[in-house]
Amino acid sequence: MIKITNLCLALVLLVITSSCSQAQKQSANSQSLNVEPQNSRTFSKESFIALKQGKLGERWLMVIWSLDCPACFKELKLIQDLQKANPNQTLNVIYLNADDSDEVAFERKQVLAVYEMQKVANFHFADGQADRSRYQIDPNWYGELPRSYFVNEKGEFHGKSGLLDEKLITEWLLGK
């Protein structure tokens, strides 16, 4: 009887310990997904002008992505892997989320956390302002994604629609 009681007690403790451990993991995961992006801002004409002026003399990449764009996630992963492979070099990338609804703020934060994008400048279109924002960036861009802009030291934008090639990203950002 004592052996059965000890066995039951051990099982109960195991279940409790396991449940607590799982709850701690879920809490940690929730906290990491709810990280507020340090540089996240609403995209506006003024912020775009300031960004371009602040980056004159630099070579950089603006990556535009959306929550409903599977190819965008492949591109975000490519850039994340490139950063991990070159930890001593900060990639000069600006991220812009093209979803123009405040209702997706939580999902946007999750993506920023998953792809480790919180430490670089992040922008998102203002609620209901996608058409206007796209036009401010490029009057000839009609919303196809993924969309990226290679910006040279003179501030000249060269747009490309579709998934970027890893070699092209590496050459542009690292000069390799």
C-alpha atoms as a PDB file:
ATOM      1  CA  MET A   1       0.000   0.000   0.000  1.00  0.00           C
ATOM      2  CA  ILE A   2       2.833   2.371   0.852  1.00  0.00           C
ATOM      3  CA  LYS A   3       4.557   1.579  -2.470  1.00  0.00           C
ATOM      4  CA  ILE A   4       1.370   2.379  -4.413  1.00  0.00           C
ATOM      5  CA  THR A   5       0.883   5.621  -2.483  1.00  0.00           C
ATOM      6  CA  ASN A   6       4.517   6.625  -3.141  1.00  0.00           C
ATOM      7  CA  LEU A   7       4.124   5.744  -6.800  1.00  0.00           C
ATOM      8  CA  CYS A   8       0.926   7.840  -7.052  1.00  0.00           C
ATOM      9  CA  LEU A   9       2.617  10.725  -5.258  1.00  0.00           C
ATOM     10  CA  ALA A  10       5.604  10.509  -7.619  1.00  0.00           C
ATOM     11  CA  LEU A  11       3.291  10.538 -10.652  1.00  0.00           C
ATOM     12  CA  VAL A  12       1.365  13.541  -9.323  1.00  0.00           C
ATOM     13  CA  LEU A  13       4.635  15.413  -8.708  1.00  0.00           C
ATOM     14  CA  LEU A  14       5.843  14.515 -12.186  1.00  0.00           C
ATOM     15  CA  VAL A  15       2.627  15.834 -13.752  1.00  0.00           C
ATOM     16  CA  ILE A  16       2.772  19.037 -11.691  1.00  0.00           C
ATOM     17  CA  THR A  17       6.457  19.598 -12.505  1.00  0.00           C
ATOM     18  CA  SER A  18       5.841  18.943 -16.177  1.00  0.00           C
ATOM     19  CA  SER A  19       2.830  21.291 -16.228  1.00  0.00           C
ATOM     20  CA  CYS A  20       4.785  24.059 -14.505  1.00  0.00           C
ATOM     21  CA  SER A  21       7.707  23.618 -16.875  1.00  0.00           C
ATOM     22  CA  GLN A  22       5.368  23.742 -19.890  1.00  0.00           C
ATOM     23  CA  ALA A  23       3.631  26.844 -18.537  1.00  0.00           C
ATOM     24  CA  GLN A  24       6.998  28.558 -18.036  1.00  0.00           C
ATOM     25  CA  LYS A  25       8.004  27.722 -21.619  1.00  0.00           C
ATOM     26  CA  GLN A  26       4.700  29.046 -22.970  1.00  0.00           C
ATOM     27  CA  SER A  27       5.073  32.207 -20.912  1.00  0.00           C
ATOM     28  CA  ALA A  28       8.620  32.735 -22.186  1.00  0.00           C
ATOM     29  CA  ASN A  29       7.466  32.154 -25.772  1.00  0.00           C
ATOM     30  CA  SER A  30       4.575  34.563 -25.330  1.00  0.00           C
ATOM     31  CA  GLN A  31       6.896  37.191 -23.918  1.00  0.00           C
ATOM     32  CA  SER A  32       9.346  36.814 -26.797  1.00  0.00           C
ATOM     33  CA  LEU A  33       6.547  37.089 -29.363  1.00  0.00           C
ATOM     34  CA  ASN A  34       5.112  40.169 -27.689  1.00  0.00           C
ATOM     35  CA  VAL A  35       8.360  42.100 -27.832  1.00  0.00           C
ATOM     36  CA  GLU A  36       7.642  45.641 -28.914  1.00  0.00           C
ATOM     37  CA  PRO A  37       9.823  46.418 -31.924  1.00  0.00           C
ATOM     38  CA  GLN A  38      12.308  49.038 -30.810  1.00  0.00           C
ATOM     39  CA  ASN A  39      12.138  51.115 -33.975  1.00  0.00           C
ATOM     40  CA  SER A  40       8.653  50.353 -35.270  1.00  0.00           C
ATOM     41  CA  ARG A  41       6.881  53.357 -36.739  1.00  0.00           C
ATOM     42  CA  THR A  42       3.929  54.105 -38.918  1.00  0.00           C
ATOM     43  CA  PHE A  43       5.054  54.843 -42.452  1.00  0.00           C
ATOM     44  CA  SER A  44       4.352  58.370 -43.636  1.00  0.00           C
ATOM     45  CA  LYS A  45       5.608  60.739 -46.280  1.00  0.00           C
ATOM     46  CA  GLU A  46       7.593  62.568 -43.598  1.00  0.00           C
ATOM     47  CA  SER A  47       9.176  59.402 -42.170  1.00  0.00           C
ATOM     48  CA  PHE A  48      10.099  58.265 -45.682  1.00  0.00           C
ATOM     49  CA  ILE A  49      11.780  61.592 -46.487  1.00  0.00           C
ATOM     50  CA  ALA A  50      13.672  61.504 -43.178  1.00  0.00           C
ATOM     51  CA  LEU A  51      14.743  57.910 -43.805  1.00  0.00           C
ATOM     52  CA  LYS A  52      16.058  58.702 -47.279  1.00  0.00           C
ATOM     53  CA  GLN A  53      17.906  61.802 -46.091  1.00  0.00           C
ATOM     54  CA  GLY A  54      19.375  59.978 -43.096  1.00  0.00           C
ATOM     55  CA  LYS A  55      20.738  57.205 -45.302  1.00  0.00           C
ATOM     56  CA  LEU A  56      22.340  59.357 -47.994  1.00  0.00           C
ATOM     57  CA  GLY A  57      25.863  58.138 -48.592  1.00  0.00           C
ATOM     58  CA  GLU A  58      24.898  54.598 -47.568  1.00  0.00           C
ATOM     59  CA  ARG A  59      23.974  51.540 -49.569  1.00  0.00           C
ATOM     60  CA  TRP A  60      20.874  49.876 -48.142  1.00  0.00           C
ATOM     61  CA  LEU A  61      17.942  47.605 -48.853  1.00  0.00           C
ATOM     62  CA  MET A  62      14.272  48.267 -48.139  1.00  0.00           C
ATOM     63  CA  VAL A  63      12.272  45.050 -47.884  1.00  0.00           C
ATOM     64  CA  ILE A  64       8.496  45.289 -48.141  1.00  0.00           C
ATOM     65  CA  TRP A  65       6.546  42.317 -46.824  1.00  0.00           C
ATOM     66  CA  SER A  66       3.042  41.265 -45.855  1.00  0.00           C
ATOM     67  CA  LEU A  67       1.451  38.718 -43.547  1.00  0.00           C
ATOM     68  CA  ASP A  68      -0.312  37.016 -46.464  1.00  0.00           C
ATOM     69  CA  CYS A  69       2.814  36.669 -48.640  1.00  0.00           C
ATOM     70  CA  PRO A  70       4.572  33.268 -48.306  1.00  0.00           C
ATOM     71  CA  ALA A  71       7.427  34.403 -50.562  1.00  0.00           C
ATOM     72  CA  CYS A  72       8.000  37.368 -48.239  1.00  0.00           C
ATOM     73  CA  PHE A  73       8.701  34.988 -45.362  1.00  0.00           C
ATOM     74  CA  LYS A  74      11.268  33.146 -47.475  1.00  0.00           C
ATOM     75  CA  GLU A  75      12.991  36.455 -48.132  1.00  0.00           C
ATOM     76  CA  LEU A  76      12.883  37.439 -44.451  1.00  0.00           C
ATOM     77  CA  LYS A  77      14.425  34.073 -43.586  1.00  0.00           C
ATOM     78  CA  LEU A  78      17.198  34.577 -46.173  1.00  0.00           C
ATOM     79  CA  ILE A  79      18.103  37.907 -44.610  1.00  0.00           C
ATOM     80  CA  GLN A  80      17.895  36.476 -41.091  1.00  0.00           C
ATOM     81  CA  ASP A  81      20.240  33.626 -42.069  1.00  0.00           C
ATOM     82  CA  LEU A  82      22.622  36.074 -43.721  1.00  0.00           C
ATOM     83  CA  GLN A  83      22.745  38.142 -40.529  1.00  0.00           C
ATOM     84  CA  LYS A  84      23.379  35.023 -38.420  1.00  0.00           C
ATOM     85  CA  ALA A  85      26.184  33.979 -40.770  1.00  0.00           C
ATOM     86  CA  ASN A  86      27.760  37.445 -40.406  1.00  0.00           C
ATOM     87  CA  PRO A  87      27.208  38.322 -36.732  1.00  0.00           C
ATOM     88  CA  ASN A  88      29.919  40.986 -36.649  1.00  0.00           C
ATOM     89  CA  GLN A  89      28.356  43.008 -39.449  1.00  0.00           C
ATOM     90  CA  THR A  90      25.045  44.826 -39.210  1.00  0.00           C
ATOM     91  CA  LEU A  91      23.072  44.511 -42.418  1.00  0.00           C
ATOM     92  CA  ASN A  92      21.731  47.836 -43.678  1.00  0.00           C
ATOM     93  CA  VAL A  93      18.121  46.732 -44.122  1.00  0.00           C
ATOM     94  CA  ILE A  94      14.869  48.578 -43.478  1.00  0.00           C
ATOM     95  CA  TYR A  95      11.670  46.536 -43.174  1.00  0.00           C
ATOM     96  CA  LEU A  96       8.264  47.821 -44.213  1.00  0.00           C
ATOM     97  CA  ASN A  97       5.100  45.872 -43.536  1.00  0.00           C
ATOM     98  CA  ALA A  98       2.512  46.569 -46.237  1.00  0.00           C
ATOM     99  CA  ASP A  99      -0.495  45.466 -44.189  1.00  0.00           C
ATOM    100  CA  ASP A 100      -2.543  48.598 -43.619  1.00  0.00           C
ATOM    101  CA  SER A 101      -4.772  47.454 -40.797  1.00  0.00           C
ATOM    102  CA  ASP A 102      -4.287  48.054 -37.106  1.00  0.00           C
ATOM    103  CA  GLU A 103      -6.037  44.703 -36.569  1.00  0.00           C
ATOM    104  CA  VAL A 104      -2.855  42.816 -37.565  1.00  0.00           C
ATOM    105  CA  ALA A 105      -0.566  44.521 -35.039  1.00  0.00           C
ATOM    106  CA  PHE A 106      -0.194  41.359 -32.923  1.00  0.00           C
ATOM    107  CA  GLU A 107       0.623  39.163 -35.926  1.00  0.00           C
ATOM    108  CA  ARG A 108       3.085  41.777 -37.189  1.00  0.00           C
ATOM    109  CA  LYS A 109       4.880  41.735 -33.816  1.00  0.00           C
ATOM    110  CA  GLN A 110       5.060  37.945 -33.949  1.00  0.00           C
ATOM    111  CA  VAL A 111       6.748  38.007 -37.373  1.00  0.00           C
ATOM    112  CA  LEU A 112       9.190  40.677 -36.230  1.00  0.00           C
ATOM    113  CA  ALA A 113      10.150  38.461 -33.286  1.00  0.00           C
ATOM    114  CA  VAL A 114      10.397  35.219 -35.272  1.00  0.00           C
ATOM    115  CA  TYR A 115      12.680  36.770 -37.893  1.00  0.00           C
ATOM    116  CA  GLU A 116      14.603  38.824 -35.290  1.00  0.00           C
ATOM    117  CA  MET A 117      13.765  42.119 -36.937  1.00  0.00           C
ATOM    118  CA  GLN A 118      13.100  44.165 -33.783  1.00  0.00           C
ATOM    119  CA  LYS A 119      16.567  45.695 -33.569  1.00  0.00           C
ATOM    120  CA  VAL A 120      16.441  47.407 -36.953  1.00  0.00           C
ATOM    121  CA  ALA A 121      14.135  50.068 -38.332  1.00  0.00           C
ATOM    122  CA  ASN A 122      10.647  48.772 -39.011  1.00  0.00           C
ATOM    123  CA  PHE A 123       7.747  50.607 -40.544  1.00  0.00           C
ATOM    124  CA  HIS A 124       4.178  49.651 -41.362  1.00  0.00           C
ATOM    125  CA  PHE A 125       1.521  51.279 -43.486  1.00  0.00           C
ATOM    126  CA  ALA A 126      -1.017  53.373 -41.612  1.00  0.00           C
ATOM    127  CA  ASP A 127      -4.496  51.956 -41.232  1.00  0.00           C
ATOM    128  CA  GLY A 128      -6.267  52.244 -44.602  1.00  0.00           C
ATOM    129  CA  GLN A 129      -3.344  54.036 -46.293  1.00  0.00           C
ATOM    130  CA  ALA A 130      -1.797  51.289 -48.465  1.00  0.00           C
ATOM    131  CA  ASP A 131      -2.518  52.934 -51.822  1.00  0.00           C
ATOM    132  CA  ARG A 132      -1.179  56.303 -50.732  1.00  0.00           C
ATOM    133  CA  SER A 133       1.900  54.764 -49.105  1.00  0.00           C
ATOM    134  CA  ARG A 134       2.742  52.643 -52.136  1.00  0.00           C
ATOM    135  CA  TYR A 135       2.484  55.702 -54.367  1.00  0.00           C
ATOM    136  CA  GLN A 136       4.798  57.691 -52.079  1.00  0.00           C
ATOM    137  CA  ILE A 137       7.414  54.974 -52.363  1.00  0.00           C
ATOM    138  CA  ASP A 138       7.071  54.371 -56.082  1.00  0.00           C
ATOM    139  CA  PRO A 139       4.262  55.640 -58.345  1.00  0.00           C
ATOM    140  CA  ASN A 140       4.900  52.640 -60.639  1.00  0.00           C
ATOM    141  CA  TRP A 141       4.474  50.013 -57.917  1.00  0.00           C
ATOM    142  CA  TYR A 142       1.010  48.493 -57.756  1.00  0.00           C
ATOM    143  CA  GLY A 143       1.354  46.368 -54.651  1.00  0.00           C
ATOM    144  CA  GLU A 144       2.926  43.114 -55.859  1.00  0.00           C
ATOM    145  CA  LEU A 145       4.940  41.400 -53.116  1.00  0.00           C
ATOM    146  CA  PRO A 146       7.558  40.722 -52.121  1.00  0.00           C
ATOM    147  CA  ARG A 147       8.953  44.044 -53.210  1.00  0.00           C
ATOM    148  CA  SER A 148      12.437  45.322 -52.431  1.00  0.00           C
ATOM    149  CA  TYR A 149      14.343  48.463 -53.214  1.00  0.00           C
ATOM    150  CA  PHE A 150      18.092  48.559 -53.587  1.00  0.00           C
ATOM    151  CA  VAL A 151      19.153  52.070 -52.643  1.00  0.00           C
ATOM    152  CA  ASN A 152      22.612  53.290 -53.597  1.00  0.00           C
ATOM    153  CA  GLU A 153      24.777  55.910 -51.881  1.00  0.00           C
ATOM    154  CA  LYS A 154      23.190  58.666 -53.992  1.00  0.00           C
ATOM    155  CA  GLY A 155      19.727  57.719 -52.726  1.00  0.00           C
ATOM    156  CA  GLU A 156      18.612  56.229 -56.041  1.00  0.00           C
ATOM    157  CA  PHE A 157      15.969  53.527 -55.668  1.00  0.00           C
ATOM    158  CA  HIS A 158      15.986  50.421 -57.862  1.00  0.00           C
ATOM    159  CA  GLY A 159      12.878  48.316 -57.277  1.00  0.00           C
ATOM    160  CA  LYS A 160      12.516  44.589 -57.734  1.00  0.00           C
ATOM    161  CA  SER A 161       9.359  42.536 -57.374  1.00  0.00           C
ATOM    162  CA  GLY A 162       9.466  38.874 -56.460  1.00  0.00           C
ATOM    163  CA  LEU A 163      11.671  36.781 -54.235  1.00  0.00           C
ATOM    164  CA  LEU A 164      15.231  38.060 -54.133  1.00  0.00           C
ATOM    165  CA  ASP A 165      18.097  35.739 -54.906  1.00  0.00           C
ATOM    166  CA  GLU A 166      20.389  35.009 -51.952  1.00  0.00           C
ATOM    167  CA  LYS A 167      23.457  35.891 -54.021  1.00  0.00           C
ATOM    168  CA  LEU A 168      22.003  39.285 -54.948  1.00  0.00           C
ATOM    169  CA  ILE A 169      21.167  40.096 -51.309  1.00  0.00           C
ATOM    170  CA  THR A 170      24.642  39.021 -50.179  1.00  0.00           C
ATOM    171  CA  GLU A 171      26.397  41.057 -52.854  1.00  0.00           C
ATOM    172  CA  TRP A 172      24.358  44.165 -52.102  1.00  0.00           C
ATOM    173  CA  LEU A 173      24.544  44.058 -48.319  1.00  0.00           C
ATOM    174  CA  LEU A 174      28.006  42.584 -47.804  1.00  0.00           C
ATOM    175  CA  GLY A 175      29.795  43.416 -51.038  1.00  0.00           C
ATOM    176  CA  LYS A 176      30.712  39.725 -51.451  1.00  0.00           C
END
